[in-house]
Protein backbone atom coordinates (compact mmCIF):
# COMPACT_ATOMS: atom_id res chain seq x y z
CA UNK A 1 86.72 -14.83 17.23
CA UNK A 2 84.02 -13.01 15.21
CA UNK A 3 80.68 -11.52 16.39
CA UNK A 4 77.60 -11.11 14.14
CA UNK A 5 76.66 -7.41 13.92
CA UNK A 6 73.63 -6.41 11.83
CA UNK A 7 73.70 -9.71 9.93
CA UNK A 8 77.37 -9.33 8.88
CA UNK A 9 80.46 -10.75 10.45
CA UNK A 10 83.04 -8.21 11.58
CA UNK A 11 86.32 -8.59 13.51
CA UNK A 12 85.58 -8.45 17.22
CA UNK A 13 88.89 -6.70 17.96
CA UNK A 14 90.73 -3.97 16.25
CA UNK A 15 92.98 -1.19 17.56
CA UNK A 16 90.92 1.32 19.52
CA UNK A 17 87.62 -0.64 19.12
CA UNK A 18 85.40 -1.90 21.93
CA UNK A 19 85.60 -5.55 22.89
CA UNK A 20 82.93 -8.20 22.25
CA UNK A 21 81.40 -7.79 25.68
CA UNK A 22 81.04 -4.03 25.26
CA UNK A 23 79.46 -4.51 21.88
CA UNK A 24 77.04 -7.09 23.25
CA UNK A 25 76.07 -4.74 26.07
CA UNK A 26 75.49 -2.00 23.52
CA UNK A 27 73.06 -4.21 21.57
CA UNK A 28 71.30 -5.59 24.66
CA UNK A 29 72.64 -9.12 24.32
CA UNK A 30 74.36 -9.30 27.72
CA UNK A 31 72.65 -8.87 31.04
CA UNK A 32 69.36 -8.44 29.19
CA UNK A 33 68.12 -12.01 29.47
CA UNK A 34 64.39 -12.51 28.88
CA UNK A 35 63.75 -8.76 28.96
CA UNK A 36 65.61 -8.15 25.73
CA UNK A 37 63.75 -11.05 24.14
CA UNK A 38 60.43 -9.48 25.14
CA UNK A 39 61.56 -6.16 23.68
CA UNK A 40 62.40 -7.84 20.39
CA UNK A 41 59.03 -9.67 20.30
CA UNK A 42 57.18 -6.43 21.07
CA UNK A 43 58.95 -4.67 18.23
CA UNK A 44 58.09 -7.51 15.88
CA UNK A 45 54.43 -7.35 16.90
CA UNK A 46 54.35 -3.61 16.27
CA UNK A 47 55.92 -4.12 12.86
CA UNK A 48 53.44 -6.90 12.01
CA UNK A 49 50.48 -4.72 13.07
CA UNK A 50 51.77 -1.84 10.96
CA UNK A 51 52.13 -4.06 7.89
CA UNK A 52 48.66 -5.57 8.40
CA UNK A 53 47.15 -2.08 8.72
CA UNK A 54 48.72 -1.00 5.44
CA UNK A 55 47.38 -4.09 3.66
CA UNK A 56 43.86 -3.68 5.07
CA UNK A 57 43.82 -0.01 4.12
CA UNK A 58 44.86 -0.85 0.56
CA UNK A 59 42.15 -3.54 0.23
CA UNK A 60 39.49 -1.22 1.67
CA UNK A 61 40.50 1.58 -0.67
CA UNK A 62 40.30 -0.76 -3.65
CA UNK A 63 36.81 -1.91 -2.62
CA UNK A 64 35.64 1.69 -2.19
CA UNK A 65 36.98 2.54 -5.63
CA UNK A 66 34.97 -0.32 -7.12
CA UNK A 67 31.83 0.94 -5.35
CA UNK A 68 32.32 4.47 -6.69
CA UNK A 69 32.78 3.15 -10.22
CA UNK A 70 29.59 1.10 -10.10
CA UNK A 71 26.40 2.88 -11.25
CA UNK A 72 24.08 3.84 -8.40
CA UNK A 73 20.92 3.06 -10.35
CA UNK A 74 19.99 0.89 -13.27
CA UNK A 75 19.66 2.86 -16.47
CA UNK A 76 16.08 3.61 -17.51
CA UNK A 77 15.04 2.99 -21.12
CA UNK A 78 14.66 6.14 -23.19
CA UNK A 79 11.08 6.64 -24.36
CA UNK A 80 10.86 7.77 -27.99
CA UNK A 81 7.37 8.78 -29.13
CA UNK A 82 6.61 9.25 -32.82
CA UNK A 83 3.48 11.24 -33.73
CA UNK A 84 2.55 10.27 -37.25
CA UNK A 85 -0.33 9.89 -39.69
CA UNK A 86 -0.95 7.55 -42.59
CA UNK A 87 -2.28 10.56 -44.51
CA UNK A 88 1.02 12.47 -44.17
CA UNK A 89 3.50 12.00 -47.04
CA UNK A 90 6.50 13.18 -45.00
CA UNK A 91 5.75 10.61 -42.28
CA UNK A 92 6.93 7.62 -44.33
CA UNK A 93 10.63 8.18 -43.54
CA UNK A 94 9.85 8.79 -39.86
CA UNK A 95 7.95 5.50 -39.66
CA UNK A 96 11.04 3.68 -40.95
CA UNK A 97 13.28 5.45 -38.42
CA UNK A 98 10.98 4.40 -35.59
CA UNK A 99 11.09 0.84 -36.92
CA UNK A 100 14.87 0.85 -36.57
CA UNK A 101 14.74 2.31 -33.05
CA UNK A 102 12.26 -0.34 -31.93
CA UNK A 103 15.03 -2.97 -32.04
CA UNK A 104 17.55 -0.94 -30.08
CA UNK A 105 18.35 -2.00 -26.48
CA UNK A 106 17.69 0.73 -23.95
CA UNK A 107 15.01 2.42 -26.08
CA UNK A 108 11.23 2.13 -25.84
CA UNK A 109 9.98 3.32 -29.24
CA UNK A 110 6.25 4.02 -29.56
CA UNK A 111 4.13 5.05 -32.55
CA UNK A 112 1.18 7.36 -31.80
CA UNK A 113 -1.17 7.84 -34.74
CA UNK A 114 -3.02 11.17 -34.75
CA UNK A 115 -6.37 11.96 -36.34
CA UNK A 116 -6.18 15.64 -37.30
CA UNK A 117 -5.10 14.89 -40.90
CA UNK A 118 -8.02 12.54 -41.57
CA UNK A 119 -9.87 15.30 -43.42
CA UNK A 120 -7.30 15.14 -46.22
CA UNK A 121 -8.98 12.03 -47.59
CA UNK A 122 -7.65 9.07 -45.61
CA UNK A 123 -8.67 8.09 -42.06
CA UNK A 124 -5.66 6.71 -40.19
CA UNK A 125 -6.51 3.15 -39.18
CA UNK A 126 -4.77 3.44 -35.78
CA UNK A 127 -5.52 7.06 -34.84
CA UNK A 128 -7.34 8.02 -31.63
CA UNK A 129 -8.29 11.45 -30.26
CA UNK A 130 -6.40 10.79 -27.02
CA UNK A 131 -3.17 10.40 -28.96
CA UNK A 132 -3.68 13.80 -30.59
CA UNK A 133 -4.47 15.24 -27.14
CA UNK A 134 -1.21 13.84 -25.77
CA UNK A 135 0.75 15.56 -28.54
CA UNK A 136 -1.03 18.85 -27.86
CA UNK A 137 0.05 18.52 -24.24
CA UNK A 138 3.66 18.42 -25.40
CA UNK A 139 3.00 21.43 -27.64
CA UNK A 140 1.99 23.46 -24.58
CA UNK A 141 4.87 22.26 -22.41
CA UNK A 142 7.44 22.98 -25.13
CA UNK A 143 5.85 26.36 -25.93
CA UNK A 144 5.23 25.47 -29.57
CA UNK A 145 2.67 27.26 -31.71
CA UNK A 146 1.11 24.18 -33.27
CA UNK A 147 1.28 20.42 -33.60
CA UNK A 148 2.80 18.80 -36.67
CA UNK A 149 3.73 15.43 -38.12
CA UNK A 150 6.01 13.68 -38.12
CA UNK A 151 7.25 14.71 -34.68
CA UNK A 152 9.39 12.75 -32.21
CA UNK A 153 9.43 13.41 -28.47
CA UNK A 154 12.41 11.99 -26.56
CA UNK A 155 12.18 11.37 -22.82
CA UNK A 156 9.09 13.57 -22.65
CA UNK A 157 11.31 16.66 -22.73
CA UNK A 158 12.82 17.30 -26.15
CA UNK A 159 11.39 17.22 -29.67
CA UNK A 160 12.66 16.86 -33.21
CA UNK A 161 11.27 16.44 -36.69
CA UNK A 162 10.42 12.77 -37.04
CA UNK A 163 12.73 12.17 -40.01
CA UNK A 164 15.72 14.07 -38.56
CA UNK A 165 17.78 11.03 -37.62
CA UNK A 166 20.87 12.95 -36.48
CA UNK A 167 18.95 15.13 -34.03
CA UNK A 168 16.90 12.23 -32.73
CA UNK A 169 20.09 10.24 -32.08
CA UNK A 170 21.61 13.22 -30.26
CA UNK A 171 18.54 13.60 -28.04
CA UNK A 172 18.56 9.89 -27.18
CA UNK A 173 22.23 10.08 -26.25
CA UNK A 174 21.62 13.15 -24.07
CA UNK A 175 18.79 11.48 -22.15
CA UNK A 176 20.81 8.30 -21.67
CA UNK A 177 23.65 10.31 -20.15
CA UNK A 178 21.51 12.31 -17.74
CA UNK A 179 21.54 11.41 -14.04
CA UNK A 180 18.38 9.89 -12.59
CA UNK A 181 17.15 8.53 -9.28
CA UNK A 182 13.76 7.06 -10.16
CA UNK A 183 11.38 5.35 -7.76
CA UNK A 184 11.03 1.63 -8.20
CA UNK A 185 8.20 0.35 -10.41
CA UNK A 186 7.12 -3.18 -9.61
CA UNK A 187 4.60 -5.58 -11.12
CA UNK A 188 2.34 -7.22 -8.52
CA UNK A 189 -0.22 -9.99 -8.71
CA UNK A 190 -3.34 -9.66 -10.85
CA UNK A 191 -1.64 -7.11 -13.08
CA UNK A 192 -1.38 -4.41 -10.43
CA UNK A 193 1.56 -2.01 -10.48
CA UNK A 194 3.37 -0.47 -7.54
CA UNK A 195 5.24 2.82 -7.70
CA UNK A 196 7.66 3.05 -4.81
CA UNK A 197 8.62 5.96 -2.63
CA UNK A 198 10.75 8.70 -4.12
CA UNK A 199 11.20 12.36 -4.84
CA UNK A 200 8.15 13.65 -6.72
CA UNK A 201 8.54 16.56 -9.18
CA UNK A 202 6.67 19.85 -8.62
CA UNK A 203 3.02 19.22 -9.36
CA UNK A 204 3.43 15.48 -8.91
CA UNK A 205 3.53 12.82 -11.61
CA UNK A 206 1.09 10.82 -13.68
CA UNK A 207 1.08 7.05 -14.11
CA UNK A 208 0.26 5.94 -17.67
CA UNK A 209 -0.47 2.53 -19.07
CA UNK A 210 0.57 2.15 -22.71
CA UNK A 211 -0.54 -0.88 -24.71
CA UNK A 212 1.09 -1.31 -28.08
CA UNK A 213 1.49 -3.89 -30.83
CA UNK A 214 5.15 -4.97 -31.04
CA UNK A 215 4.69 -6.43 -34.50
CA UNK A 216 5.18 -4.81 -37.89
CA UNK A 217 2.00 -3.31 -39.37
CA UNK A 218 1.73 -2.93 -43.14
CA UNK A 219 -1.08 -0.65 -44.29
CA UNK A 220 -2.07 -0.04 -47.91
CA UNK A 221 -3.25 3.56 -48.20
CA UNK A 222 -5.94 3.96 -50.84
CA UNK A 223 -6.55 7.70 -50.76
CA UNK A 224 -4.84 10.95 -49.84
CA UNK A 225 -1.18 11.97 -50.09
CA UNK A 226 0.11 8.40 -49.69
CA UNK A 227 -2.36 6.78 -52.07
CA UNK A 228 -1.10 3.47 -53.43
CA UNK A 229 1.72 3.16 -50.90
CA UNK A 230 2.09 0.41 -48.33
CA UNK A 231 3.25 1.98 -45.07
CA UNK A 232 5.31 0.08 -42.51
CA UNK A 233 4.62 0.93 -38.85
CA UNK A 234 6.05 -0.59 -35.68
CA UNK A 235 5.11 -0.56 -31.98
CA UNK A 236 1.78 1.06 -32.78
CA UNK A 237 0.05 2.25 -29.59
CA UNK A 238 -3.48 0.88 -29.34
CA UNK A 239 -4.46 2.02 -25.86
CA UNK A 240 -3.40 4.83 -23.52
CA UNK A 241 -4.85 4.97 -20.00
CA UNK A 242 -4.05 7.29 -17.11
CA UNK A 243 -3.98 5.14 -13.96
CA UNK A 244 -3.65 7.97 -11.47
CA UNK A 245 -1.24 10.43 -9.88
CA UNK A 246 1.88 9.91 -7.79
CA UNK A 247 3.19 12.39 -5.21
CA UNK A 248 6.19 10.59 -3.76
CA UNK A 249 4.62 7.94 -1.53
CA UNK A 250 4.34 4.25 -2.38
CA UNK A 251 1.08 3.53 -4.16
CA UNK A 252 -0.51 0.63 -6.03
CA UNK A 253 -2.48 1.05 -9.28
CA UNK A 254 -4.89 -1.37 -10.96
CA UNK A 255 -4.84 -1.32 -14.79
CA UNK A 256 -8.17 -1.78 -16.58
CA UNK A 257 -9.11 -4.99 -18.32
CA UNK A 258 -7.21 -5.87 -21.46
CA UNK A 259 -8.59 -5.07 -24.89
CA UNK A 260 -10.31 -7.83 -26.90
CA UNK A 261 -7.14 -8.30 -28.94
CA UNK A 262 -4.95 -7.75 -25.91
CA UNK A 263 -3.12 -11.06 -26.25
CA UNK A 264 -1.12 -9.64 -29.15
CA UNK A 265 -0.30 -6.43 -27.31
CA UNK A 266 2.54 -5.50 -25.01
CA UNK A 267 2.12 -3.14 -22.07
CA UNK A 268 4.43 -0.64 -20.40
CA UNK A 269 4.03 1.79 -17.51
CA UNK A 270 5.28 5.37 -17.80
CA UNK A 271 5.76 7.59 -14.75
CA UNK A 272 5.69 11.12 -16.15
CA UNK A 273 6.04 14.54 -14.53
CA UNK A 274 2.67 16.30 -14.80
CA UNK A 275 4.07 19.75 -15.52
CA UNK A 276 7.28 19.23 -17.47
CA UNK A 277 6.36 15.97 -19.20
CA UNK A 278 9.68 14.35 -18.27
CA UNK A 279 9.58 10.57 -18.21
CA UNK A 280 10.75 9.71 -14.69
CA UNK A 281 10.56 5.93 -14.73
CA UNK A 282 9.54 3.11 -17.06
CA UNK A 283 8.34 -0.42 -16.44
CA UNK A 284 8.55 -2.41 -19.66
CA UNK A 285 6.70 -5.59 -20.59
CA UNK A 286 4.06 -5.43 -17.88
CA UNK A 287 2.02 -8.18 -19.53
């Protein structure tokens, strides 16, 4: 006769070994009845619960890992502002660089034409005093001695010579990699814009409406340093309007009426720190 012990068959009798009945008593198989069965079921339940807990913990940990890997906020486009003049010979290369950046995803490239070189013999056809004033504001924030063209401002914080492609690329990359937690900008009915609640910078922020022509502009310059040349300009800003201030609470702003040629223009909203000039949030393609 053989008895099953631990899943293997062993002789039930050998010199000096306990008999089958003793072995069965030792393993709870005799005189245990239903009690031993309950003990075995309880042990199985405990084992099942332990295995289930391990599996649930592994699944939960995997889900948490996926959450941590996901970005907390959608990436904001990097605003690249070129300050240029049709009367500036060194601006030609910068205009072409801006043209290339205008097609890049994740970048909002804008051309601001300034008027302080008009006295050289050619009046820039797109220049406005408010564009020159905006550049002077950057000059003060960046502690520069004077304004110049061509100049590129990236993210409202850093500047580079407009034709210095390597430095401009480095500044764009740096802004794209910086952490941000911007308030939500939302387009409402009738062209109104809502800036959601968030953390306002010291001194608050300003809400700007920028209207620009997304097409390619070709201008034949007849006088001045660029006489006889046809300049190529892209995303030329035609209108710049301050809609108001933002101090951290949700607020709605009403843009002014569109320009007479507004159908050809594209609009964006910039939320910009009043003191530092940093672009906090951007709402592209408002209209």
